[in-house]
Amino acid sequence: MKKLIAVLMSLCLILTAAAAFAEDVEPSVVNWSDYEATAAEIDGQFATVSDIGLKMFIPAEFKDTELSDEALEGGTFMVLKSEKEERALVNAQHLAIDISSFKAGLESQGATVYETVLNGLHCYQFNVGAEGVITSCFAFGTDQGSVVLFGFTLTNEEPYSSLFKVMAASIQPAE
């Protein structure tokens, strides 16, 4: 099993590198309908995320944490922790910067940024990491000229890697 995982991870790295060097790369498209069957097996429900006009599927084991004044002032509006983990696994922020400037800032720091269409919403996907912890991020531009950023702290431990895929794929306009 470990060899299979190592081979799959190597393949992902090769494909990611190839995509990074390709010109005129089409945005990847992610649709909730591709994940609905998996989500049906998870205890959880959709919740409206703050007042930003988006909703996402949140597994029942994830609980919203109380935010400090400092976090709120920095634009953080959601931090989710699993009942089994002490560290924050999912966070969301509202940033006072336009999406083009945000993307340019990421790229100037050497980040590889991928254009993604997530349930009809255009966003940029990128990874950030420090000390072996990688956070996969999705940045959405708003009509007000700001950015809404969702971050999912990646882990190879199940069930989190599967849960995060479903949670990220579920981000969509609130009805």
C-alpha atoms as a PDB file:
ATOM      1  CA  MET A   1       0.000   0.000   0.000  1.00  0.00           C
ATOM      2  CA  LYS A   2       2.840   2.401   0.841  1.00  0.00           C
ATOM      3  CA  LYS A   3       4.439   1.754  -2.549  1.00  0.00           C
ATOM      4  CA  LEU A   4       1.151   2.489  -4.309  1.00  0.00           C
ATOM      5  CA  ILE A   5       0.807   5.773  -2.438  1.00  0.00           C
ATOM      6  CA  ALA A   6       4.417   6.691  -3.240  1.00  0.00           C
ATOM      7  CA  VAL A   7       3.858   5.953  -6.946  1.00  0.00           C
ATOM      8  CA  LEU A   8       0.638   8.009  -6.977  1.00  0.00           C
ATOM      9  CA  MET A   9       2.339  10.925  -5.228  1.00  0.00           C
ATOM     10  CA  SER A  10       5.220  10.794  -7.713  1.00  0.00           C
ATOM     11  CA  LEU A  11       2.767  10.797 -10.601  1.00  0.00           C
ATOM     12  CA  CYS A  12       0.981  13.815  -9.127  1.00  0.00           C
ATOM     13  CA  LEU A  13       4.282  15.684  -8.826  1.00  0.00           C
ATOM     14  CA  ILE A  14       5.202  14.892 -12.428  1.00  0.00           C
ATOM     15  CA  LEU A  15       1.779  15.998 -13.700  1.00  0.00           C
ATOM     16  CA  THR A  16       1.931  19.175 -11.608  1.00  0.00           C
ATOM     17  CA  ALA A  17       5.378  20.002 -12.964  1.00  0.00           C
ATOM     18  CA  ALA A  18       4.208  19.381 -16.528  1.00  0.00           C
ATOM     19  CA  ALA A  19       1.224  21.657 -15.999  1.00  0.00           C
ATOM     20  CA  ALA A  20       3.443  24.386 -14.579  1.00  0.00           C
ATOM     21  CA  PHE A  21       5.573  24.469 -17.722  1.00  0.00           C
ATOM     22  CA  ALA A  22       2.736  24.167 -20.220  1.00  0.00           C
ATOM     23  CA  GLU A  23       1.630  27.297 -22.009  1.00  0.00           C
ATOM     24  CA  ASP A  24      -2.013  28.316 -22.321  1.00  0.00           C
ATOM     25  CA  VAL A  25      -3.142  25.801 -19.737  1.00  0.00           C
ATOM     26  CA  GLU A  26      -6.904  25.515 -19.596  1.00  0.00           C
ATOM     27  CA  PRO A  27      -8.359  26.040 -16.127  1.00  0.00           C
ATOM     28  CA  SER A  28      -9.220  22.865 -14.292  1.00  0.00           C
ATOM     29  CA  VAL A  29     -12.946  22.441 -13.729  1.00  0.00           C
ATOM     30  CA  VAL A  30     -14.333  21.008 -10.502  1.00  0.00           C
ATOM     31  CA  ASN A  31     -18.039  20.309 -10.121  1.00  0.00           C
ATOM     32  CA  TRP A  32     -19.894  19.352  -6.957  1.00  0.00           C
ATOM     33  CA  SER A  33     -21.823  16.707  -8.906  1.00  0.00           C
ATOM     34  CA  ASP A  34     -18.563  14.712  -9.170  1.00  0.00           C
ATOM     35  CA  TYR A  35     -18.368  14.539  -5.344  1.00  0.00           C
ATOM     36  CA  GLU A  36     -22.017  14.255  -4.276  1.00  0.00           C
ATOM     37  CA  ALA A  37     -21.969  10.457  -4.012  1.00  0.00           C
ATOM     38  CA  THR A  38     -18.888  10.575  -1.773  1.00  0.00           C
ATOM     39  CA  ALA A  39     -20.424  13.331   0.366  1.00  0.00           C
ATOM     40  CA  ALA A  40     -23.603  11.279   0.818  1.00  0.00           C
ATOM     41  CA  GLU A  41     -21.515   8.782   2.804  1.00  0.00           C
ATOM     42  CA  ILE A  42     -20.203  11.501   5.162  1.00  0.00           C
ATOM     43  CA  ASP A  43     -22.124  12.761   8.168  1.00  0.00           C
ATOM     44  CA  GLY A  44     -22.363  16.494   7.526  1.00  0.00           C
ATOM     45  CA  GLN A  45     -24.351  19.252   5.907  1.00  0.00           C
ATOM     46  CA  PHE A  46     -24.077  22.409   3.831  1.00  0.00           C
ATOM     47  CA  ALA A  47     -23.668  25.668   5.702  1.00  0.00           C
ATOM     48  CA  THR A  48     -23.634  29.252   4.511  1.00  0.00           C
ATOM     49  CA  VAL A  49     -20.172  30.667   5.069  1.00  0.00           C
ATOM     50  CA  SER A  50     -20.410  34.044   6.818  1.00  0.00           C
ATOM     51  CA  ASP A  51     -22.113  36.707   4.724  1.00  0.00           C
ATOM     52  CA  ILE A  52     -19.996  36.265   1.595  1.00  0.00           C
ATOM     53  CA  GLY A  53     -22.652  34.519  -0.485  1.00  0.00           C
ATOM     54  CA  LEU A  54     -20.972  31.106  -0.507  1.00  0.00           C
ATOM     55  CA  LYS A  55     -21.800  27.781   1.076  1.00  0.00           C
ATOM     56  CA  MET A  56     -19.798  24.635   1.634  1.00  0.00           C
ATOM     57  CA  PHE A  57     -20.261  21.103   2.928  1.00  0.00           C
ATOM     58  CA  ILE A  58     -18.969  20.748   6.474  1.00  0.00           C
ATOM     59  CA  PRO A  59     -18.550  17.266   8.000  1.00  0.00           C
ATOM     60  CA  ALA A  60     -20.188  16.879  11.416  1.00  0.00           C
ATOM     61  CA  GLU A  61     -16.834  16.231  13.114  1.00  0.00           C
ATOM     62  CA  PHE A  62     -15.613  19.728  12.172  1.00  0.00           C
ATOM     63  CA  LYS A  63     -16.477  22.454  14.644  1.00  0.00           C
ATOM     64  CA  ASP A  64     -16.193  26.206  14.192  1.00  0.00           C
ATOM     65  CA  THR A  65     -13.818  27.736  16.737  1.00  0.00           C
ATOM     66  CA  GLU A  66     -14.156  31.024  18.526  1.00  0.00           C
ATOM     67  CA  LEU A  67     -12.006  33.658  16.870  1.00  0.00           C
ATOM     68  CA  SER A  68      -9.784  36.123  18.671  1.00  0.00           C
ATOM     69  CA  ASP A  69     -10.170  39.848  18.072  1.00  0.00           C
ATOM     70  CA  GLU A  70      -6.812  39.769  16.283  1.00  0.00           C
ATOM     71  CA  ALA A  71      -8.006  37.039  13.889  1.00  0.00           C
ATOM     72  CA  LEU A  72     -11.230  38.925  13.185  1.00  0.00           C
ATOM     73  CA  GLU A  73      -9.309  42.155  12.520  1.00  0.00           C
ATOM     74  CA  GLY A  74      -7.072  40.224  10.092  1.00  0.00           C
ATOM     75  CA  GLY A  75     -10.101  39.160   8.064  1.00  0.00           C
ATOM     76  CA  THR A  76     -10.464  35.587   9.316  1.00  0.00           C
ATOM     77  CA  PHE A  77     -14.113  34.651   9.513  1.00  0.00           C
ATOM     78  CA  MET A  78     -13.995  30.869   9.908  1.00  0.00           C
ATOM     79  CA  VAL A  79     -11.643  28.334  11.493  1.00  0.00           C
ATOM     80  CA  LEU A  80     -12.671  24.696  11.649  1.00  0.00           C
ATOM     81  CA  LYS A  81     -11.068  22.000  13.755  1.00  0.00           C
ATOM     82  CA  SER A  82     -11.790  18.316  13.799  1.00  0.00           C
ATOM     83  CA  GLU A  83     -12.874  16.840  17.109  1.00  0.00           C
ATOM     84  CA  LYS A  84      -9.804  14.587  16.744  1.00  0.00           C
ATOM     85  CA  GLU A  85      -7.212  17.292  15.989  1.00  0.00           C
ATOM     86  CA  GLU A  86      -5.982  20.224  18.027  1.00  0.00           C
ATOM     87  CA  ARG A  87      -4.736  22.258  15.077  1.00  0.00           C
ATOM     88  CA  ALA A  88      -6.899  24.246  12.713  1.00  0.00           C
ATOM     89  CA  LEU A  89      -7.562  22.257   9.564  1.00  0.00           C
ATOM     90  CA  VAL A  90      -9.749  24.653   7.571  1.00  0.00           C
ATOM     91  CA  ASN A  91      -9.743  28.442   7.626  1.00  0.00           C
ATOM     92  CA  ALA A  92     -11.302  31.234   5.618  1.00  0.00           C
ATOM     93  CA  GLN A  93     -10.314  34.878   5.328  1.00  0.00           C
ATOM     94  CA  HIS A  94     -11.630  38.016   3.653  1.00  0.00           C
ATOM     95  CA  LEU A  95      -8.683  40.054   2.359  1.00  0.00           C
ATOM     96  CA  ALA A  96      -8.764  43.712   1.317  1.00  0.00           C
ATOM     97  CA  ILE A  97      -6.899  43.240  -1.972  1.00  0.00           C
ATOM     98  CA  ASP A  98      -8.139  42.675  -5.510  1.00  0.00           C
ATOM     99  CA  ILE A  99      -7.713  39.214  -6.997  1.00  0.00           C
ATOM    100  CA  SER A 100      -5.249  40.300  -9.738  1.00  0.00           C
ATOM    101  CA  SER A 101      -2.912  41.943  -7.236  1.00  0.00           C
ATOM    102  CA  PHE A 102      -3.226  38.942  -4.929  1.00  0.00           C
ATOM    103  CA  LYS A 103      -2.281  36.539  -7.747  1.00  0.00           C
ATOM    104  CA  ALA A 104       0.620  38.768  -8.859  1.00  0.00           C
ATOM    105  CA  GLY A 105       1.899  38.861  -5.271  1.00  0.00           C
ATOM    106  CA  LEU A 106       1.826  35.079  -5.029  1.00  0.00           C
ATOM    107  CA  GLU A 107       3.644  34.657  -8.319  1.00  0.00           C
ATOM    108  CA  SER A 108       6.272  37.264  -7.381  1.00  0.00           C
ATOM    109  CA  GLN A 109       7.051  35.114  -4.344  1.00  0.00           C
ATOM    110  CA  GLY A 110       7.528  32.039  -6.553  1.00  0.00           C
ATOM    111  CA  ALA A 111       4.164  30.359  -5.967  1.00  0.00           C
ATOM    112  CA  THR A 112       2.645  28.305  -8.749  1.00  0.00           C
ATOM    113  CA  VAL A 113      -0.936  29.476  -9.174  1.00  0.00           C
ATOM    114  CA  TYR A 114      -3.532  27.454 -11.076  1.00  0.00           C
ATOM    115  CA  GLU A 115      -6.708  28.879 -12.535  1.00  0.00           C
ATOM    116  CA  THR A 116      -9.675  26.774 -11.477  1.00  0.00           C
ATOM    117  CA  VAL A 117     -13.406  26.879 -12.126  1.00  0.00           C
ATOM    118  CA  LEU A 118     -15.090  25.566  -8.991  1.00  0.00           C
ATOM    119  CA  ASN A 119     -18.823  25.031  -9.428  1.00  0.00           C
ATOM    120  CA  GLY A 120     -18.908  27.819 -12.003  1.00  0.00           C
ATOM    121  CA  LEU A 121     -16.859  30.224  -9.857  1.00  0.00           C
ATOM    122  CA  HIS A 122     -13.459  31.312 -11.148  1.00  0.00           C
ATOM    123  CA  CYS A 123     -10.718  31.093  -8.548  1.00  0.00           C
ATOM    124  CA  TYR A 124      -7.002  30.565  -8.164  1.00  0.00           C
ATOM    125  CA  GLN A 125      -5.591  27.494  -6.454  1.00  0.00           C
ATOM    126  CA  PHE A 126      -2.144  27.371  -4.892  1.00  0.00           C
ATOM    127  CA  ASN A 127      -0.276  25.632  -2.085  1.00  0.00           C
ATOM    128  CA  VAL A 128       1.718  27.187   0.724  1.00  0.00           C
ATOM    129  CA  GLY A 129       3.867  25.307   3.167  1.00  0.00           C
ATOM    130  CA  ALA A 130       6.208  25.579   6.070  1.00  0.00           C
ATOM    131  CA  GLU A 131       7.904  22.944   8.203  1.00  0.00           C
ATOM    132  CA  GLY A 132       6.306  20.040   6.321  1.00  0.00           C
ATOM    133  CA  VAL A 133       2.740  21.329   6.611  1.00  0.00           C
ATOM    134  CA  ILE A 134       1.076  22.174   3.312  1.00  0.00           C
ATOM    135  CA  THR A 135      -2.106  24.207   2.987  1.00  0.00           C
ATOM    136  CA  SER A 136      -4.049  24.032  -0.267  1.00  0.00           C
ATOM    137  CA  CYS A 137      -5.742  27.376  -0.895  1.00  0.00           C
ATOM    138  CA  PHE A 138      -8.548  28.623  -3.101  1.00  0.00           C
ATOM    139  CA  ALA A 139      -8.807  32.392  -3.692  1.00  0.00           C
ATOM    140  CA  PHE A 140     -12.008  33.931  -5.058  1.00  0.00           C
ATOM    141  CA  GLY A 141     -12.362  37.520  -6.247  1.00  0.00           C
ATOM    142  CA  THR A 142     -15.461  39.363  -5.022  1.00  0.00           C
ATOM    143  CA  ASP A 143     -17.635  42.000  -6.689  1.00  0.00           C
ATOM    144  CA  GLN A 144     -16.349  44.451  -4.053  1.00  0.00           C
ATOM    145  CA  GLY A 145     -12.761  44.075  -5.300  1.00  0.00           C
ATOM    146  CA  SER A 146     -11.503  41.895  -2.455  1.00  0.00           C
ATOM    147  CA  VAL A 147     -10.454  38.259  -2.034  1.00  0.00           C
ATOM    148  CA  VAL A 148     -12.097  35.423  -0.125  1.00  0.00           C
ATOM    149  CA  LEU A 149      -9.496  32.788   0.687  1.00  0.00           C
ATOM    150  CA  PHE A 150     -10.169  29.219   1.843  1.00  0.00           C
ATOM    151  CA  GLY A 151      -7.259  27.144   3.176  1.00  0.00           C
ATOM    152  CA  PHE A 152      -7.255  23.382   3.782  1.00  0.00           C
ATOM    153  CA  THR A 153      -4.297  22.024   5.764  1.00  0.00           C
ATOM    154  CA  LEU A 154      -3.284  18.882   3.895  1.00  0.00           C
ATOM    155  CA  THR A 155      -2.542  15.653   5.621  1.00  0.00           C
ATOM    156  CA  ASN A 156      -2.029  12.147   4.290  1.00  0.00           C
ATOM    157  CA  GLU A 157      -4.012  10.807   7.203  1.00  0.00           C
ATOM    158  CA  GLU A 158      -7.418   9.444   6.383  1.00  0.00           C
ATOM    159  CA  PRO A 159     -10.132  10.528   6.527  1.00  0.00           C
ATOM    160  CA  TYR A 160      -8.870  14.113   6.201  1.00  0.00           C
ATOM    161  CA  SER A 161      -7.427  13.966   2.692  1.00  0.00           C
ATOM    162  CA  SER A 162     -10.758  12.644   1.371  1.00  0.00           C
ATOM    163  CA  LEU A 163     -12.812  15.051   3.480  1.00  0.00           C
ATOM    164  CA  PHE A 164     -10.848  18.064   2.256  1.00  0.00           C
ATOM    165  CA  LYS A 165     -11.413  17.133  -1.386  1.00  0.00           C
ATOM    166  CA  VAL A 166     -15.153  16.965  -0.758  1.00  0.00           C
ATOM    167  CA  MET A 167     -15.163  20.192   1.274  1.00  0.00           C
ATOM    168  CA  ALA A 168     -13.184  22.134  -1.342  1.00  0.00           C
ATOM    169  CA  ALA A 169     -15.331  20.770  -4.174  1.00  0.00           C
ATOM    170  CA  SER A 170     -18.470  21.843  -2.325  1.00  0.00           C
ATOM    171  CA  ILE A 171     -17.708  25.594  -2.283  1.00  0.00           C
ATOM    172  CA  GLN A 172     -20.449  27.189  -4.348  1.00  0.00           C
ATOM    173  CA  PRO A 173     -22.844  30.130  -4.416  1.00  0.00           C
ATOM    174  CA  ALA A 174     -25.334  30.148  -1.541  1.00  0.00           C
ATOM    175  CA  GLU A 175     -28.914  29.917  -2.684  1.00  0.00           C
END
